Amino acid sequence: MKVDVKEMSERLAYDPAFSDYDFWRALKSLDDELFRIEYERRPVPMELVFARAILRRARNARGEG
């Protein structure tokens, strides 16, 4: 599986269907889940790492970072 973080984040950043709150809420949920995984000493799924990277880059592309 090849994940193009740059392409996906740019597409998401300019999608008018996502509000600033949507980005904040998604990142908060991901951070909470990653904290729970770390606390329980489980392996971190790479999908969550990629999702967080995509959301952070998209938020920064909008100028909200």
C-alpha atoms as a PDB file:
ATOM      1  CA  MET A   1       0.000   0.000   0.000  1.00  0.00           C
ATOM      2  CA  LYS A   2       1.511   3.285  -1.095  1.00  0.00           C
ATOM      3  CA  VAL A   3       0.206   6.318   0.716  1.00  0.00           C
ATOM      4  CA  ASP A   4       0.913   9.685  -0.866  1.00  0.00           C
ATOM      5  CA  VAL A   5       0.586  11.904   2.182  1.00  0.00           C
ATOM      6  CA  LYS A   6       1.281  15.121   0.251  1.00  0.00           C
ATOM      7  CA  GLU A   7      -1.337  14.478  -2.430  1.00  0.00           C
ATOM      8  CA  MET A   8      -4.006  13.321   0.001  1.00  0.00           C
ATOM      9  CA  SER A   9      -3.422  16.201   2.404  1.00  0.00           C
ATOM     10  CA  GLU A  10      -3.595  18.807  -0.383  1.00  0.00           C
ATOM     11  CA  ARG A  11      -6.812  17.338  -1.710  1.00  0.00           C
ATOM     12  CA  LEU A  12      -8.307  17.324   1.779  1.00  0.00           C
ATOM     13  CA  ALA A  13      -7.089  20.842   2.601  1.00  0.00           C
ATOM     14  CA  TYR A  14      -8.984  22.369  -0.303  1.00  0.00           C
ATOM     15  CA  ASP A  15     -12.144  20.308   0.116  1.00  0.00           C
ATOM     16  CA  PRO A  16     -14.885  22.715   1.207  1.00  0.00           C
ATOM     17  CA  ALA A  17     -16.826  19.853   2.813  1.00  0.00           C
ATOM     18  CA  PHE A  18     -14.342  19.864   5.732  1.00  0.00           C
ATOM     19  CA  SER A  19     -14.521  22.701   8.210  1.00  0.00           C
ATOM     20  CA  ASP A  20     -11.809  23.849  10.585  1.00  0.00           C
ATOM     21  CA  TYR A  21     -13.734  22.107  13.359  1.00  0.00           C
ATOM     22  CA  ASP A  22     -13.759  18.849  11.380  1.00  0.00           C
ATOM     23  CA  PHE A  23      -9.964  18.941  11.199  1.00  0.00           C
ATOM     24  CA  TRP A  24      -9.636  19.720  14.893  1.00  0.00           C
ATOM     25  CA  ARG A  25     -12.087  16.989  15.896  1.00  0.00           C
ATOM     26  CA  ALA A  26     -10.423  14.365  13.673  1.00  0.00           C
ATOM     27  CA  LEU A  27      -6.969  15.168  15.029  1.00  0.00           C
ATOM     28  CA  LYS A  28      -8.255  15.114  18.611  1.00  0.00           C
ATOM     29  CA  SER A  29      -9.858  11.714  18.062  1.00  0.00           C
ATOM     30  CA  LEU A  30      -6.681  10.327  16.502  1.00  0.00           C
ATOM     31  CA  ASP A  31      -4.519  11.658  19.310  1.00  0.00           C
ATOM     32  CA  ASP A  32      -6.871  10.137  21.881  1.00  0.00           C
ATOM     33  CA  GLU A  33      -6.757   6.767  20.133  1.00  0.00           C
ATOM     34  CA  LEU A  34      -2.968   6.844  19.829  1.00  0.00           C
ATOM     35  CA  PHE A  35      -2.690   7.694  23.523  1.00  0.00           C
ATOM     36  CA  ARG A  36      -4.948   4.751  24.409  1.00  0.00           C
ATOM     37  CA  ILE A  37      -2.881   2.413  22.220  1.00  0.00           C
ATOM     38  CA  GLU A  38       0.357   3.593  23.798  1.00  0.00           C
ATOM     39  CA  TYR A  39      -1.092   3.310  27.304  1.00  0.00           C
ATOM     40  CA  GLU A  40      -2.183  -0.271  26.623  1.00  0.00           C
ATOM     41  CA  ARG A  41       1.228  -1.022  25.063  1.00  0.00           C
ATOM     42  CA  ARG A  42      -0.293  -2.235  21.809  1.00  0.00           C
ATOM     43  CA  PRO A  43       1.370  -1.852  18.412  1.00  0.00           C
ATOM     44  CA  VAL A  44       0.454   1.345  16.601  1.00  0.00           C
ATOM     45  CA  PRO A  45      -1.303   0.728  13.274  1.00  0.00           C
ATOM     46  CA  MET A  46       0.494   2.505  10.441  1.00  0.00           C
ATOM     47  CA  GLU A  47      -2.856   3.666   9.084  1.00  0.00           C
ATOM     48  CA  LEU A  48      -3.264   5.885  12.143  1.00  0.00           C
ATOM     49  CA  VAL A  49       0.205   7.344  11.683  1.00  0.00           C
ATOM     50  CA  PHE A  50      -0.530   8.133   8.034  1.00  0.00           C
ATOM     51  CA  ALA A  51      -3.954   9.549   8.891  1.00  0.00           C
ATOM     52  CA  ARG A  52      -2.452  11.906  11.466  1.00  0.00           C
ATOM     53  CA  ALA A  53       0.230  13.046   9.024  1.00  0.00           C
ATOM     54  CA  ILE A  54      -2.371  13.700   6.337  1.00  0.00           C
ATOM     55  CA  LEU A  55      -4.632  15.675   8.664  1.00  0.00           C
ATOM     56  CA  ARG A  56      -1.774  17.760  10.063  1.00  0.00           C
ATOM     57  CA  ARG A  57      -0.458  18.630   6.608  1.00  0.00           C
ATOM     58  CA  ALA A  58      -3.960  19.468   5.385  1.00  0.00           C
ATOM     59  CA  ARG A  59      -4.578  21.743   8.365  1.00  0.00           C
ATOM     60  CA  ASN A  60      -1.220  23.458   7.821  1.00  0.00           C
ATOM     61  CA  ALA A  61      -1.973  23.895   4.105  1.00  0.00           C
ATOM     62  CA  ARG A  62      -5.090  25.807   5.102  1.00  0.00           C
ATOM     63  CA  GLY A  63      -2.965  28.034   7.283  1.00  0.00           C
ATOM     64  CA  GLU A  64      -4.397  26.903  10.595  1.00  0.00           C
ATOM     65  CA  GLY A  65      -1.263  25.239  11.931  1.00  0.00           C
END
